[in-house]
């Protein structure tokens, strides 16, 4: 799957595609950006991410897993503008949306990057379960509004956020 779009509406300046192992450096750069820009949205700190060896990043972008798929919004020069992934743990009924991030200049409905990435993950998730699940931090209202606009609803399940157990992650689901 490859989709193209524009941030300004003037010309194609990004594509959506599955990651491959050779993307590891671009993904690592985006991961560092996402952890600095939105630390509440991920289950890892920037400091911890910087300690990972190159092999860790290669594994994260390698497209050969049957249970995990990472999609990227990529600019013509190879810079990653955003990413989203799907993951289905062994023995679970429904897949999860994970690693959601779009760089600030490409956010919003007009840019279309977020919707295109989510569409790619939804397509990947089809046939893997009845719902696509996600966990969102309770103090991330922009993400919650976006997921609700795309049809996700709260399931009622919550859990402590691992990096600050005084706050919660709330589960949302989208029927597939």
N, C-alpha and C. Protein backbone atom coordinates (compact mmCIF):
# COMPACT_ATOMS: atom_id res chain seq x y z
N UNK A 1 0.84 -1.17 0.00
CA UNK A 1 0.00 0.00 0.00
C UNK A 1 0.89 1.23 0.00
N UNK A 2 0.66 2.12 -0.93
CA UNK A 2 1.33 3.40 -0.96
C UNK A 2 0.29 4.44 -1.29
N UNK A 3 0.18 5.46 -0.45
CA UNK A 3 -0.74 6.57 -0.67
C UNK A 3 0.08 7.83 -0.75
N UNK A 4 -0.36 8.80 -1.53
CA UNK A 4 0.36 10.07 -1.63
C UNK A 4 -0.55 11.19 -1.19
N UNK A 5 0.06 12.28 -0.73
CA UNK A 5 -0.72 13.44 -0.33
C UNK A 5 0.14 14.67 -0.25
N UNK A 6 -0.48 15.74 0.21
CA UNK A 6 0.22 17.01 0.34
C UNK A 6 -0.07 17.61 1.70
N UNK A 7 0.85 18.40 2.18
CA UNK A 7 0.60 19.17 3.40
C UNK A 7 -0.09 20.47 3.05
N UNK A 8 0.22 21.03 1.90
CA UNK A 8 -0.33 22.32 1.51
C UNK A 8 -1.45 22.20 0.49
N UNK A 9 -1.63 21.01 -0.08
CA UNK A 9 -2.62 20.83 -1.12
C UNK A 9 -2.09 21.15 -2.50
N UNK A 10 -0.85 21.64 -2.61
CA UNK A 10 -0.33 22.09 -3.89
C UNK A 10 0.31 20.97 -4.71
N UNK A 11 1.07 20.09 -4.07
CA UNK A 11 1.77 19.04 -4.81
C UNK A 11 1.99 17.86 -3.88
N UNK A 12 2.10 16.65 -4.42
CA UNK A 12 2.39 15.50 -3.55
C UNK A 12 3.75 15.70 -2.88
N UNK A 13 3.76 15.62 -1.56
CA UNK A 13 5.04 15.74 -0.87
C UNK A 13 5.21 14.72 0.25
N UNK A 14 4.41 13.67 0.23
CA UNK A 14 4.60 12.56 1.14
C UNK A 14 3.88 11.32 0.61
N UNK A 15 4.32 10.18 1.06
CA UNK A 15 3.66 8.91 0.75
C UNK A 15 3.51 8.12 2.04
N UNK A 16 2.52 7.24 2.06
CA UNK A 16 2.33 6.30 3.18
C UNK A 16 2.74 4.93 2.67
N UNK A 17 3.60 4.29 3.44
CA UNK A 17 4.04 2.94 3.05
C UNK A 17 4.49 2.16 4.28
N UNK A 18 4.50 0.83 4.16
CA UNK A 18 5.04 0.02 5.25
C UNK A 18 6.54 0.26 5.39
N UNK A 19 7.03 0.13 6.60
CA UNK A 19 8.46 0.31 6.83
C UNK A 19 9.23 -0.92 6.36
N UNK A 20 10.51 -0.70 6.12
CA UNK A 20 11.46 -1.77 5.82
C UNK A 20 12.68 -1.55 6.69
N UNK A 21 13.48 -2.58 6.85
CA UNK A 21 14.63 -2.50 7.75
C UNK A 21 15.54 -1.31 7.44
N UNK A 22 15.71 -1.00 6.17
CA UNK A 22 16.59 0.12 5.79
C UNK A 22 16.09 1.47 6.27
N UNK A 23 14.87 1.54 6.78
CA UNK A 23 14.30 2.78 7.31
C UNK A 23 14.75 3.09 8.74
N UNK A 24 15.57 2.25 9.32
CA UNK A 24 15.83 2.34 10.75
C UNK A 24 16.34 3.70 11.20
N UNK A 25 17.20 4.35 10.43
CA UNK A 25 17.73 5.64 10.85
C UNK A 25 16.67 6.74 10.80
N UNK A 26 15.83 6.72 9.77
CA UNK A 26 14.74 7.71 9.68
C UNK A 26 13.74 7.49 10.80
N UNK A 27 13.43 6.22 11.10
CA UNK A 27 12.50 5.94 12.19
C UNK A 27 13.10 6.36 13.53
N UNK A 28 14.37 6.06 13.74
CA UNK A 28 15.02 6.46 15.00
C UNK A 28 14.94 7.97 15.19
N UNK A 29 15.21 8.74 14.14
CA UNK A 29 15.13 10.20 14.23
C UNK A 29 13.71 10.65 14.59
N UNK A 30 12.69 10.03 13.96
CA UNK A 30 11.31 10.38 14.27
C UNK A 30 10.96 9.97 15.70
N UNK A 31 11.43 8.81 16.12
CA UNK A 31 11.13 8.35 17.49
C UNK A 31 11.71 9.33 18.52
N UNK A 32 12.92 9.80 18.30
CA UNK A 32 13.49 10.79 19.21
C UNK A 32 12.64 12.06 19.22
N UNK A 33 12.19 12.49 18.04
CA UNK A 33 11.33 13.67 17.96
C UNK A 33 10.03 13.45 18.72
N UNK A 34 9.41 12.30 18.50
CA UNK A 34 8.11 12.04 19.14
C UNK A 34 8.24 11.98 20.66
N UNK A 35 9.31 11.41 21.16
CA UNK A 35 9.48 11.31 22.60
C UNK A 35 9.77 12.67 23.23
N UNK A 36 10.41 13.54 22.48
CA UNK A 36 10.65 14.90 22.97
C UNK A 36 9.38 15.75 22.88
N UNK A 37 8.64 15.61 21.79
CA UNK A 37 7.45 16.43 21.53
C UNK A 37 6.24 16.00 22.35
N UNK A 38 6.05 14.71 22.55
CA UNK A 38 4.83 14.21 23.20
C UNK A 38 5.17 13.10 24.20
N UNK A 39 5.88 13.42 25.26
CA UNK A 39 6.34 12.37 26.18
C UNK A 39 5.23 11.57 26.86
N UNK A 40 4.04 12.13 27.00
CA UNK A 40 2.94 11.38 27.63
C UNK A 40 2.32 10.33 26.70
N UNK A 41 2.61 10.40 25.43
CA UNK A 41 1.94 9.53 24.47
C UNK A 41 2.62 8.17 24.30
N UNK A 42 3.78 7.98 24.88
CA UNK A 42 4.54 6.76 24.62
C UNK A 42 5.02 6.14 25.92
N UNK A 43 5.33 4.89 25.87
CA UNK A 43 5.70 4.15 27.08
C UNK A 43 7.22 4.06 27.23
N UNK A 44 7.91 5.09 26.78
CA UNK A 44 9.36 5.10 26.81
C UNK A 44 9.82 6.54 26.96
N UNK A 45 10.93 6.72 27.62
CA UNK A 45 11.50 8.06 27.73
C UNK A 45 12.53 8.26 26.62
N UNK A 46 12.78 9.52 26.30
CA UNK A 46 13.81 9.85 25.31
C UNK A 46 15.16 9.32 25.76
N UNK A 47 15.45 9.44 27.04
CA UNK A 47 16.73 8.96 27.57
C UNK A 47 16.88 7.45 27.34
N UNK A 48 15.83 6.69 27.59
CA UNK A 48 15.89 5.24 27.38
C UNK A 48 16.04 4.92 25.89
N UNK A 49 15.33 5.64 25.03
CA UNK A 49 15.40 5.39 23.59
C UNK A 49 16.80 5.62 23.05
N UNK A 50 17.47 6.62 23.57
CA UNK A 50 18.82 6.94 23.09
C UNK A 50 19.84 5.85 23.42
N UNK A 51 19.50 4.97 24.35
CA UNK A 51 20.41 3.89 24.74
C UNK A 51 20.29 2.65 23.85
N UNK A 52 19.25 2.58 23.03
CA UNK A 52 19.06 1.39 22.20
C UNK A 52 20.15 1.27 21.14
N UNK A 53 20.65 0.06 20.91
CA UNK A 53 21.64 -0.14 19.84
C UNK A 53 20.96 -0.09 18.46
N UNK A 54 21.75 0.04 17.43
CA UNK A 54 21.22 0.10 16.07
C UNK A 54 20.34 -1.10 15.74
N UNK A 55 20.69 -2.27 16.24
CA UNK A 55 19.91 -3.48 15.95
C UNK A 55 18.47 -3.35 16.43
N UNK A 56 18.26 -2.68 17.56
CA UNK A 56 16.90 -2.44 18.06
C UNK A 56 16.08 -1.69 17.01
N UNK A 57 16.65 -0.65 16.42
CA UNK A 57 15.92 0.16 15.44
C UNK A 57 15.69 -0.63 14.16
N UNK A 58 16.64 -1.44 13.77
CA UNK A 58 16.47 -2.29 12.58
C UNK A 58 15.30 -3.26 12.77
N UNK A 59 15.23 -3.87 13.96
CA UNK A 59 14.12 -4.79 14.24
C UNK A 59 12.78 -4.07 14.21
N UNK A 60 12.71 -2.84 14.72
CA UNK A 60 11.46 -2.10 14.79
C UNK A 60 10.92 -1.76 13.40
N UNK A 61 11.81 -1.58 12.43
CA UNK A 61 11.36 -1.22 11.08
C UNK A 61 11.29 -2.40 10.12
N UNK A 62 11.86 -3.53 10.50
CA UNK A 62 11.84 -4.71 9.64
C UNK A 62 10.40 -5.11 9.37
N UNK A 63 10.02 -5.22 8.13
CA UNK A 63 8.63 -5.48 7.76
C UNK A 63 8.24 -6.94 7.66
N UNK A 64 8.99 -7.85 8.26
CA UNK A 64 8.71 -9.26 8.07
C UNK A 64 7.82 -9.90 9.13
N UNK A 65 7.47 -9.18 10.19
CA UNK A 65 6.66 -9.76 11.26
C UNK A 65 5.22 -9.96 10.80
N UNK A 66 4.62 -11.07 11.22
CA UNK A 66 3.22 -11.31 10.91
C UNK A 66 2.30 -10.71 11.96
N UNK A 67 2.85 -10.29 13.10
CA UNK A 67 2.02 -9.77 14.19
C UNK A 67 2.15 -8.27 14.41
N UNK A 68 3.10 -7.64 13.75
CA UNK A 68 3.33 -6.21 13.91
C UNK A 68 3.62 -5.59 12.55
N UNK A 69 3.06 -4.40 12.32
CA UNK A 69 3.33 -3.68 11.07
C UNK A 69 3.45 -2.20 11.37
N UNK A 70 4.52 -1.58 10.90
CA UNK A 70 4.76 -0.16 11.08
C UNK A 70 4.58 0.54 9.75
N UNK A 71 3.79 1.60 9.73
CA UNK A 71 3.58 2.40 8.52
C UNK A 71 4.20 3.77 8.73
N UNK A 72 4.71 4.33 7.63
CA UNK A 72 5.38 5.62 7.69
C UNK A 72 4.80 6.57 6.66
N UNK A 73 4.75 7.85 7.05
CA UNK A 73 4.52 8.94 6.10
C UNK A 73 5.90 9.47 5.77
N UNK A 74 6.29 9.39 4.51
CA UNK A 74 7.66 9.66 4.12
C UNK A 74 7.70 10.79 3.10
N UNK A 75 8.57 11.77 3.35
CA UNK A 75 8.81 12.87 2.41
C UNK A 75 9.71 12.36 1.28
N UNK A 76 9.74 13.05 0.13
CA UNK A 76 10.55 12.59 -1.00
C UNK A 76 12.02 12.32 -0.67
N UNK A 77 12.60 13.06 0.25
CA UNK A 77 14.00 12.83 0.61
C UNK A 77 14.22 11.69 1.58
N UNK A 78 13.15 11.04 2.03
CA UNK A 78 13.26 9.91 2.95
C UNK A 78 12.98 10.25 4.40
N UNK A 79 12.80 11.52 4.72
CA UNK A 79 12.48 11.91 6.10
C UNK A 79 11.11 11.40 6.47
N UNK A 80 11.01 10.83 7.65
CA UNK A 80 9.71 10.36 8.14
C UNK A 80 8.96 11.53 8.76
N UNK A 81 7.72 11.72 8.32
CA UNK A 81 6.85 12.78 8.82
C UNK A 81 5.90 12.27 9.89
N UNK A 82 5.74 10.97 9.97
CA UNK A 82 4.84 10.37 10.95
C UNK A 82 4.89 8.87 10.83
N UNK A 83 4.34 8.23 11.85
CA UNK A 83 4.26 6.77 11.82
C UNK A 83 3.10 6.30 12.70
N UNK A 84 2.61 5.13 12.37
CA UNK A 84 1.62 4.41 13.18
C UNK A 84 1.87 2.93 12.94
N UNK A 85 1.57 2.17 13.97
CA UNK A 85 1.76 0.74 13.83
C UNK A 85 0.55 -0.04 14.31
N UNK A 86 0.50 -1.26 13.89
CA UNK A 86 -0.47 -2.21 14.39
C UNK A 86 0.27 -3.36 15.03
N UNK A 87 -0.25 -3.84 16.15
CA UNK A 87 0.39 -4.96 16.84
C UNK A 87 -0.69 -5.88 17.40
N UNK A 88 -0.48 -7.16 17.21
CA UNK A 88 -1.38 -8.15 17.81
C UNK A 88 -0.54 -9.17 18.55
N UNK A 89 -0.60 -9.09 19.86
CA UNK A 89 0.16 -10.02 20.70
C UNK A 89 -0.38 -11.43 20.55
N UNK A 90 0.48 -12.39 20.71
CA UNK A 90 0.09 -13.80 20.60
C UNK A 90 -1.05 -14.10 21.57
N UNK A 91 -2.05 -14.80 21.09
CA UNK A 91 -3.15 -15.22 21.94
C UNK A 91 -4.19 -14.16 22.22
N UNK A 92 -4.07 -12.97 21.63
CA UNK A 92 -5.07 -11.92 21.86
C UNK A 92 -6.09 -11.92 20.74
N UNK A 93 -7.26 -11.43 21.06
CA UNK A 93 -8.37 -11.44 20.10
C UNK A 93 -8.30 -10.28 19.12
N UNK A 94 -7.89 -9.11 19.58
CA UNK A 94 -7.94 -7.91 18.76
C UNK A 94 -6.58 -7.22 18.68
N UNK A 95 -6.25 -6.63 17.53
CA UNK A 95 -4.99 -5.91 17.39
C UNK A 95 -5.07 -4.52 18.03
N UNK A 96 -3.90 -3.94 18.28
CA UNK A 96 -3.77 -2.61 18.87
C UNK A 96 -3.13 -1.64 17.88
N UNK A 97 -3.57 -0.40 17.95
CA UNK A 97 -2.92 0.71 17.27
C UNK A 97 -1.83 1.21 18.21
N UNK A 98 -0.60 1.34 17.72
CA UNK A 98 0.53 1.74 18.56
C UNK A 98 1.41 2.76 17.85
N UNK A 99 2.20 3.48 18.63
CA UNK A 99 3.22 4.35 18.09
C UNK A 99 2.72 5.47 17.21
N UNK A 100 1.61 6.09 17.57
CA UNK A 100 0.97 7.12 16.74
C UNK A 100 1.70 8.45 16.90
N UNK A 101 2.22 8.98 15.79
CA UNK A 101 2.87 10.29 15.84
C UNK A 101 2.94 10.90 14.44
N UNK A 102 2.66 12.20 14.37
CA UNK A 102 2.84 12.98 13.15
C UNK A 102 3.56 14.26 13.54
N UNK A 103 4.59 14.60 12.79
CA UNK A 103 5.37 15.80 13.08
C UNK A 103 4.48 17.04 12.98
N UNK A 104 4.70 18.05 13.81
CA UNK A 104 3.77 19.18 13.91
C UNK A 104 3.36 19.83 12.58
N UNK A 105 4.24 20.01 11.65
CA UNK A 105 3.91 20.68 10.40
C UNK A 105 2.98 19.89 9.48
N UNK A 106 2.72 18.63 9.81
CA UNK A 106 1.86 17.77 8.98
C UNK A 106 0.64 17.27 9.74
N UNK A 107 0.34 17.88 10.86
CA UNK A 107 -0.84 17.49 11.63
C UNK A 107 -2.07 18.22 11.09
N UNK A 108 -3.23 17.69 11.45
CA UNK A 108 -4.49 18.33 11.10
C UNK A 108 -5.16 17.69 9.89
N UNK A 109 -6.46 17.92 9.81
CA UNK A 109 -7.25 17.33 8.72
C UNK A 109 -6.77 17.74 7.35
N UNK A 110 -6.41 19.01 7.19
CA UNK A 110 -6.02 19.51 5.87
C UNK A 110 -4.79 18.78 5.34
N UNK A 111 -3.84 18.48 6.20
CA UNK A 111 -2.63 17.78 5.76
C UNK A 111 -2.95 16.35 5.34
N UNK A 112 -3.83 15.68 6.06
CA UNK A 112 -4.25 14.33 5.70
C UNK A 112 -3.33 13.20 6.12
N UNK A 113 -2.19 13.52 6.68
CA UNK A 113 -1.21 12.48 7.02
C UNK A 113 -1.75 11.54 8.09
N UNK A 114 -2.33 12.09 9.16
CA UNK A 114 -2.81 11.26 10.26
C UNK A 114 -3.89 10.31 9.78
N UNK A 115 -4.84 10.81 9.01
CA UNK A 115 -5.90 9.95 8.49
C UNK A 115 -5.35 8.87 7.57
N UNK A 116 -4.41 9.22 6.71
CA UNK A 116 -3.84 8.23 5.79
C UNK A 116 -3.08 7.14 6.55
N UNK A 117 -2.34 7.52 7.57
CA UNK A 117 -1.65 6.52 8.38
C UNK A 117 -2.64 5.60 9.09
N UNK A 118 -3.67 6.19 9.69
CA UNK A 118 -4.66 5.37 10.38
C UNK A 118 -5.38 4.45 9.39
N UNK A 119 -5.70 4.94 8.22
CA UNK A 119 -6.33 4.09 7.20
C UNK A 119 -5.45 2.88 6.87
N UNK A 120 -4.14 3.08 6.80
CA UNK A 120 -3.22 1.97 6.52
C UNK A 120 -3.26 0.94 7.63
N UNK A 121 -3.27 1.39 8.89
CA UNK A 121 -3.31 0.45 10.02
C UNK A 121 -4.65 -0.27 10.05
N UNK A 122 -5.74 0.44 9.79
CA UNK A 122 -7.06 -0.20 9.77
C UNK A 122 -7.09 -1.28 8.69
N UNK A 123 -6.57 -0.99 7.53
CA UNK A 123 -6.52 -2.00 6.46
C UNK A 123 -5.72 -3.22 6.90
N UNK A 124 -4.57 -2.99 7.55
CA UNK A 124 -3.76 -4.09 8.07
C UNK A 124 -4.54 -4.90 9.10
N UNK A 125 -5.33 -4.23 9.93
CA UNK A 125 -6.04 -4.89 11.04
C UNK A 125 -7.26 -5.70 10.58
N UNK A 126 -7.78 -5.39 9.41
CA UNK A 126 -8.96 -6.10 8.91
C UNK A 126 -8.71 -7.61 8.91
N UNK A 127 -9.64 -8.37 9.46
CA UNK A 127 -9.52 -9.82 9.50
C UNK A 127 -8.68 -10.36 10.65
N UNK A 128 -8.13 -9.48 11.46
CA UNK A 128 -7.31 -9.92 12.59
C UNK A 128 -8.10 -9.95 13.89
N UNK A 129 -9.28 -9.39 13.90
CA UNK A 129 -10.12 -9.33 15.09
C UNK A 129 -11.37 -8.54 14.78
N UNK A 130 -12.18 -8.34 15.81
CA UNK A 130 -13.43 -7.59 15.64
C UNK A 130 -13.24 -6.09 15.84
N UNK A 131 -12.17 -5.72 16.56
CA UNK A 131 -11.95 -4.31 16.90
C UNK A 131 -10.47 -3.97 16.78
N UNK A 132 -10.20 -2.70 16.50
CA UNK A 132 -8.86 -2.16 16.63
C UNK A 132 -8.84 -1.38 17.93
N UNK A 133 -7.95 -1.75 18.84
CA UNK A 133 -7.89 -1.14 20.16
C UNK A 133 -6.72 -0.16 20.24
N UNK A 134 -6.79 0.74 21.19
CA UNK A 134 -5.68 1.64 21.49
C UNK A 134 -5.79 2.07 22.94
N UNK A 135 -4.68 2.50 23.49
CA UNK A 135 -4.64 3.11 24.81
C UNK A 135 -4.21 4.55 24.62
N UNK A 136 -4.94 5.49 25.23
CA UNK A 136 -4.64 6.91 25.13
C UNK A 136 -4.53 7.48 26.54
N UNK A 137 -3.55 8.34 26.74
CA UNK A 137 -3.36 8.96 28.05
C UNK A 137 -4.54 9.87 28.35
N UNK A 138 -5.03 9.81 29.56
CA UNK A 138 -6.20 10.60 29.95
C UNK A 138 -5.99 12.10 29.79
N UNK A 139 -4.74 12.56 29.78
CA UNK A 139 -4.44 13.99 29.65
C UNK A 139 -3.97 14.34 28.23
N UNK A 140 -4.51 13.65 27.24
CA UNK A 140 -4.17 13.91 25.85
C UNK A 140 -5.46 14.20 25.07
N UNK A 141 -6.10 15.36 25.34
CA UNK A 141 -7.40 15.64 24.75
C UNK A 141 -7.39 15.73 23.22
N UNK A 142 -6.31 16.20 22.63
CA UNK A 142 -6.26 16.29 21.16
C UNK A 142 -6.34 14.90 20.54
N UNK A 143 -5.60 13.95 21.10
CA UNK A 143 -5.64 12.58 20.59
C UNK A 143 -7.03 11.98 20.79
N UNK A 144 -7.61 12.19 21.95
CA UNK A 144 -8.95 11.65 22.22
C UNK A 144 -9.96 12.20 21.22
N UNK A 145 -9.92 13.50 20.96
CA UNK A 145 -10.85 14.10 19.97
C UNK A 145 -10.64 13.48 18.60
N UNK A 146 -9.40 13.29 18.20
CA UNK A 146 -9.12 12.68 16.90
C UNK A 146 -9.69 11.26 16.82
N UNK A 147 -9.39 10.46 17.82
CA UNK A 147 -9.88 9.07 17.79
C UNK A 147 -11.40 9.03 17.79
N UNK A 148 -12.04 9.89 18.56
CA UNK A 148 -13.50 9.92 18.55
C UNK A 148 -14.02 10.33 17.17
N UNK A 149 -13.40 11.30 16.53
CA UNK A 149 -13.81 11.71 15.18
C UNK A 149 -13.70 10.55 14.21
N UNK A 150 -12.73 9.67 14.41
CA UNK A 150 -12.54 8.53 13.52
C UNK A 150 -13.39 7.31 13.92
N UNK A 151 -14.23 7.46 14.95
CA UNK A 151 -15.15 6.39 15.30
C UNK A 151 -14.76 5.53 16.48
N UNK A 152 -13.64 5.80 17.12
CA UNK A 152 -13.25 5.04 18.31
C UNK A 152 -14.14 5.46 19.47
N UNK A 153 -14.44 4.50 20.34
CA UNK A 153 -15.23 4.76 21.55
C UNK A 153 -14.49 4.17 22.74
N UNK A 154 -14.72 4.77 23.91
CA UNK A 154 -14.11 4.25 25.13
C UNK A 154 -14.74 2.91 25.48
N UNK A 155 -13.91 1.97 25.91
CA UNK A 155 -14.39 0.65 26.31
C UNK A 155 -14.72 0.58 27.80
N UNK A 156 -14.23 1.56 28.57
CA UNK A 156 -14.38 1.53 30.02
C UNK A 156 -13.17 0.96 30.72
N UNK A 157 -12.29 0.32 29.97
CA UNK A 157 -11.08 -0.25 30.56
C UNK A 157 -10.04 0.85 30.72
N UNK A 158 -9.39 0.87 31.88
CA UNK A 158 -8.28 1.80 32.13
C UNK A 158 -7.15 1.04 32.79
N UNK A 159 -5.99 1.65 32.77
CA UNK A 159 -4.84 1.09 33.47
C UNK A 159 -3.90 2.23 33.83
N UNK A 160 -3.10 2.05 34.87
CA UNK A 160 -2.14 3.10 35.22
C UNK A 160 -1.14 3.30 34.07
N UNK A 161 -0.79 4.56 33.82
CA UNK A 161 0.24 4.87 32.82
C UNK A 161 1.58 4.45 33.41
N UNK A 162 2.33 3.58 32.73
CA UNK A 162 3.54 3.02 33.34
C UNK A 162 4.61 4.02 33.76
N UNK A 163 4.71 5.16 33.10
CA UNK A 163 5.75 6.13 33.46
C UNK A 163 5.31 7.10 34.56
N UNK A 164 4.01 7.11 34.87
CA UNK A 164 3.47 7.93 35.97
C UNK A 164 2.19 7.25 36.44
N UNK A 165 2.32 6.35 37.39
CA UNK A 165 1.20 5.51 37.81
C UNK A 165 0.09 6.28 38.50
N UNK A 166 0.27 7.58 38.73
CA UNK A 166 -0.81 8.39 39.29
C UNK A 166 -1.79 8.85 38.20
N UNK A 167 -1.46 8.60 36.93
CA UNK A 167 -2.35 8.92 35.82
C UNK A 167 -2.76 7.63 35.12
N UNK A 168 -3.72 7.74 34.20
CA UNK A 168 -4.30 6.55 33.59
C UNK A 168 -4.25 6.60 32.08
N UNK A 169 -4.23 5.43 31.51
CA UNK A 169 -4.46 5.25 30.08
C UNK A 169 -5.87 4.70 29.94
N UNK A 170 -6.58 5.20 28.94
CA UNK A 170 -7.95 4.75 28.69
C UNK A 170 -7.98 4.01 27.37
N UNK A 171 -8.64 2.85 27.39
CA UNK A 171 -8.74 2.05 26.17
C UNK A 171 -9.88 2.55 25.30
N UNK A 172 -9.64 2.59 24.00
CA UNK A 172 -10.66 2.92 23.01
C UNK A 172 -10.67 1.81 21.96
N UNK A 173 -11.83 1.66 21.29
CA UNK A 173 -11.97 0.62 20.29
C UNK A 173 -12.71 1.14 19.07
N UNK A 174 -12.33 0.61 17.92
CA UNK A 174 -13.00 0.87 16.65
C UNK A 174 -13.44 -0.46 16.09
N UNK A 175 -14.73 -0.60 15.80
CA UNK A 175 -15.20 -1.85 15.18
C UNK A 175 -14.59 -1.99 13.80
N UNK A 176 -14.14 -3.21 13.50
CA UNK A 176 -13.53 -3.47 12.19
C UNK A 176 -14.55 -4.09 11.24
